[in-house]
Amino acid sequence: MLQVSPKMISRLDDLETDLINRRARAETEGWRGEIEGIDLTLTLLRTKRDETGRRLRRPVVNLGIPLPRTTTTAQETTP
């Protein structure tokens, strides 16, 4: 899944405004199929913006650098 950069949230707001304007025009013109498509796009856009906001509020977890496992021989493990 594509993740939106937090810097682009304002761009998502601009896209939402444009879609709302396009939906209003589609209503006045009677383009029902266009209205359904715009509604779906608006839903997905708002979901993506909400996900991006949630990612911003999550703390960053440092997992460190993984180290290679040490191998033990069979002689070392038998008593």
N, C-alpha and C. Protein backbone atom coordinates (compact mmCIF):
# COMPACT_ATOMS: atom_id res chain seq x y z
N MET A 1 0.83 -1.19 0.00
CA MET A 1 0.00 0.00 0.00
C MET A 1 0.87 1.24 0.00
N LEU A 2 0.43 2.22 -0.70
CA LEU A 2 1.13 3.48 -0.78
C LEU A 2 0.85 4.30 0.48
N GLN A 3 1.91 4.83 1.07
CA GLN A 3 1.75 5.68 2.24
C GLN A 3 2.02 7.12 1.83
N VAL A 4 1.21 8.02 2.33
CA VAL A 4 1.33 9.43 2.01
C VAL A 4 2.31 10.08 2.98
N SER A 5 3.18 10.89 2.44
CA SER A 5 4.11 11.63 3.28
C SER A 5 3.32 12.64 4.10
N PRO A 6 3.64 12.80 5.37
CA PRO A 6 2.93 13.78 6.20
C PRO A 6 3.02 15.20 5.65
N LYS A 7 4.05 15.48 4.87
CA LYS A 7 4.18 16.82 4.26
C LYS A 7 3.11 17.08 3.22
N MET A 8 2.45 16.04 2.75
CA MET A 8 1.47 16.17 1.67
C MET A 8 0.03 16.27 2.16
N ILE A 9 -0.18 16.35 3.46
CA ILE A 9 -1.55 16.42 3.97
C ILE A 9 -2.27 17.65 3.44
N SER A 10 -1.59 18.77 3.32
CA SER A 10 -2.23 19.97 2.78
C SER A 10 -2.65 19.75 1.33
N ARG A 11 -1.88 18.97 0.59
CA ARG A 11 -2.24 18.65 -0.80
C ARG A 11 -3.50 17.80 -0.83
N LEU A 12 -3.64 16.88 0.11
CA LEU A 12 -4.86 16.09 0.20
C LEU A 12 -6.07 16.98 0.49
N ASP A 13 -5.88 18.00 1.30
CA ASP A 13 -6.97 18.94 1.57
C ASP A 13 -7.37 19.68 0.30
N ASP A 14 -6.38 20.06 -0.51
CA ASP A 14 -6.67 20.73 -1.78
C ASP A 14 -7.43 19.80 -2.72
N LEU A 15 -7.01 18.54 -2.77
CA LEU A 15 -7.70 17.57 -3.62
C LEU A 15 -9.14 17.36 -3.16
N GLU A 16 -9.34 17.34 -1.85
CA GLU A 16 -10.69 17.16 -1.32
C GLU A 16 -11.59 18.34 -1.73
N THR A 17 -11.07 19.54 -1.63
CA THR A 17 -11.84 20.72 -2.03
C THR A 17 -12.22 20.65 -3.50
N ASP A 18 -11.26 20.26 -4.33
CA ASP A 18 -11.53 20.13 -5.76
C ASP A 18 -12.58 19.06 -6.04
N LEU A 19 -12.49 17.93 -5.35
CA LEU A 19 -13.48 16.87 -5.55
C LEU A 19 -14.88 17.31 -5.11
N ILE A 20 -14.95 18.06 -4.04
CA ILE A 20 -16.25 18.55 -3.58
C ILE A 20 -16.86 19.49 -4.62
N ASN A 21 -16.03 20.33 -5.21
CA ASN A 21 -16.51 21.23 -6.27
C ASN A 21 -16.95 20.43 -7.51
N ARG A 22 -16.18 19.42 -7.87
CA ARG A 22 -16.54 18.58 -9.01
C ARG A 22 -17.83 17.82 -8.74
N ARG A 23 -18.03 17.40 -7.49
CA ARG A 23 -19.26 16.69 -7.14
C ARG A 23 -20.47 17.61 -7.26
N ALA A 24 -20.32 18.85 -6.82
CA ALA A 24 -21.42 19.82 -6.93
C ALA A 24 -21.79 20.04 -8.40
N ARG A 25 -20.79 20.14 -9.26
CA ARG A 25 -21.06 20.32 -10.69
C ARG A 25 -21.75 19.08 -11.26
N ALA A 26 -21.29 17.91 -10.85
CA ALA A 26 -21.89 16.67 -11.33
C ALA A 26 -23.36 16.58 -10.91
N GLU A 27 -23.66 17.07 -9.72
CA GLU A 27 -25.07 17.08 -9.27
C GLU A 27 -25.91 17.99 -10.13
N THR A 28 -25.42 19.19 -10.42
CA THR A 28 -26.19 20.13 -11.24
C THR A 28 -26.36 19.63 -12.67
N GLU A 29 -25.37 18.88 -13.18
CA GLU A 29 -25.45 18.36 -14.54
C GLU A 29 -26.20 17.02 -14.60
N GLY A 30 -26.43 16.41 -13.44
CA GLY A 30 -27.15 15.14 -13.40
C GLY A 30 -26.29 13.94 -13.79
N TRP A 31 -25.00 14.01 -13.52
CA TRP A 31 -24.08 12.91 -13.86
C TRP A 31 -23.99 11.95 -12.69
N ARG A 32 -24.90 11.01 -12.60
CA ARG A 32 -24.99 10.11 -11.45
C ARG A 32 -23.77 9.20 -11.33
N GLY A 33 -23.29 8.67 -12.44
CA GLY A 33 -22.11 7.81 -12.38
C GLY A 33 -20.89 8.56 -11.89
N GLU A 34 -20.78 9.80 -12.31
CA GLU A 34 -19.65 10.65 -11.87
C GLU A 34 -19.74 10.92 -10.37
N ILE A 35 -20.95 11.13 -9.88
CA ILE A 35 -21.15 11.38 -8.45
C ILE A 35 -20.70 10.17 -7.63
N GLU A 36 -21.06 8.97 -8.09
CA GLU A 36 -20.65 7.76 -7.37
C GLU A 36 -19.14 7.61 -7.34
N GLY A 37 -18.49 7.89 -8.46
CA GLY A 37 -17.03 7.80 -8.53
C GLY A 37 -16.35 8.82 -7.63
N ILE A 38 -16.89 10.03 -7.62
CA ILE A 38 -16.32 11.08 -6.77
C ILE A 38 -16.52 10.74 -5.30
N ASP A 39 -17.69 10.22 -4.95
CA ASP A 39 -17.94 9.82 -3.56
C ASP A 39 -16.95 8.75 -3.10
N LEU A 40 -16.70 7.78 -3.96
CA LEU A 40 -15.74 6.73 -3.63
C LEU A 40 -14.34 7.32 -3.45
N THR A 41 -13.95 8.19 -4.36
CA THR A 41 -12.63 8.82 -4.28
C THR A 41 -12.51 9.66 -3.01
N LEU A 42 -13.55 10.40 -2.66
CA LEU A 42 -13.55 11.20 -1.43
C LEU A 42 -13.39 10.31 -0.20
N THR A 43 -14.08 9.18 -0.18
CA THR A 43 -13.97 8.26 0.95
C THR A 43 -12.54 7.74 1.08
N LEU A 44 -11.95 7.32 -0.02
CA LEU A 44 -10.58 6.81 0.00
C LEU A 44 -9.58 7.89 0.39
N LEU A 45 -9.77 9.09 -0.10
CA LEU A 45 -8.88 10.20 0.22
C LEU A 45 -8.94 10.53 1.72
N ARG A 46 -10.13 10.58 2.25
CA ARG A 46 -10.28 10.89 3.68
C ARG A 46 -9.69 9.78 4.55
N THR A 47 -9.86 8.55 4.13
CA THR A 47 -9.26 7.42 4.86
C THR A 47 -7.75 7.52 4.85
N LYS A 48 -7.17 7.82 3.69
CA LYS A 48 -5.72 7.94 3.57
C LYS A 48 -5.20 9.09 4.43
N ARG A 49 -5.92 10.20 4.47
CA ARG A 49 -5.51 11.33 5.30
C ARG A 49 -5.57 10.97 6.78
N ASP A 50 -6.60 10.25 7.19
CA ASP A 50 -6.73 9.83 8.59
C ASP A 50 -5.60 8.86 8.97
N GLU A 51 -5.27 7.93 8.07
CA GLU A 51 -4.18 6.99 8.33
C GLU A 51 -2.85 7.73 8.50
N THR A 52 -2.64 8.73 7.67
CA THR A 52 -1.41 9.52 7.75
C THR A 52 -1.35 10.27 9.07
N GLY A 53 -2.47 10.81 9.51
CA GLY A 53 -2.51 11.49 10.80
C GLY A 53 -2.23 10.56 11.96
N ARG A 54 -2.75 9.33 11.88
CA ARG A 54 -2.49 8.35 12.94
C ARG A 54 -1.02 7.96 12.96
N ARG A 55 -0.41 7.81 11.80
CA ARG A 55 1.02 7.47 11.76
C ARG A 55 1.87 8.57 12.38
N LEU A 56 1.44 9.82 12.24
CA LEU A 56 2.18 10.93 12.84
C LEU A 56 2.13 10.89 14.35
N ARG A 57 1.03 10.41 14.91
CA ARG A 57 0.88 10.39 16.36
C ARG A 57 1.55 9.19 17.02
N ARG A 58 1.89 8.16 16.23
CA ARG A 58 2.56 6.97 16.79
C ARG A 58 4.01 7.28 17.10
N PRO A 59 4.49 6.80 18.24
CA PRO A 59 5.91 7.02 18.55
C PRO A 59 6.80 6.16 17.66
N VAL A 60 7.99 6.66 17.40
CA VAL A 60 8.96 5.92 16.61
C VAL A 60 9.66 4.91 17.51
N VAL A 61 9.75 3.70 17.05
CA VAL A 61 10.38 2.64 17.84
C VAL A 61 11.71 2.29 17.19
N ASN A 62 12.77 2.34 17.96
CA ASN A 62 14.08 1.98 17.47
C ASN A 62 14.29 0.49 17.70
N LEU A 63 14.37 -0.26 16.64
CA LEU A 63 14.55 -1.71 16.75
C LEU A 63 16.01 -2.11 16.78
N GLY A 64 16.89 -1.18 16.58
CA GLY A 64 18.31 -1.49 16.61
C GLY A 64 18.77 -2.21 15.36
N ILE A 65 20.04 -2.53 15.35
CA ILE A 65 20.62 -3.25 14.22
C ILE A 65 20.69 -4.72 14.59
N PRO A 66 20.15 -5.59 13.77
CA PRO A 66 20.20 -7.01 14.10
C PRO A 66 21.62 -7.55 14.02
N LEU A 67 21.92 -8.48 14.89
CA LEU A 67 23.24 -9.11 14.92
C LEU A 67 23.10 -10.54 14.42
N PRO A 68 24.14 -11.05 13.76
CA PRO A 68 24.06 -12.45 13.30
C PRO A 68 24.04 -13.40 14.50
N ARG A 69 23.35 -14.48 14.35
CA ARG A 69 23.28 -15.49 15.41
C ARG A 69 24.60 -16.24 15.48
N THR A 70 24.98 -16.58 16.68
CA THR A 70 26.17 -17.42 16.83
C THR A 70 25.74 -18.86 16.75
N THR A 71 26.51 -19.66 16.07
CA THR A 71 26.17 -21.08 15.93
C THR A 71 26.90 -21.88 16.99
N THR A 72 26.22 -22.86 17.51
CA THR A 72 26.84 -23.76 18.49
C THR A 72 26.95 -25.13 17.85
N THR A 73 28.02 -25.80 18.14
CA THR A 73 28.19 -27.14 17.59
C THR A 73 27.50 -28.16 18.48
N ALA A 74 27.28 -29.32 17.97
CA ALA A 74 26.62 -30.37 18.73
C ALA A 74 27.43 -30.77 19.94
N GLN A 75 28.76 -30.68 19.89
CA GLN A 75 29.62 -31.04 21.01
C GLN A 75 29.44 -30.05 22.17
N GLU A 76 29.21 -28.81 21.85
CA GLU A 76 29.07 -27.81 22.90
C GLU A 76 27.74 -27.93 23.62
N THR A 77 26.71 -28.45 22.96
CA THR A 77 25.39 -28.50 23.57
C THR A 77 25.15 -29.80 24.34
N THR A 78 25.94 -30.85 24.12
CA THR A 78 25.74 -32.11 24.86
C THR A 78 26.52 -32.09 26.15
N PRO A 79 25.91 -32.56 27.26
CA PRO A 79 26.62 -32.56 28.55
C PRO A 79 27.64 -33.64 28.69
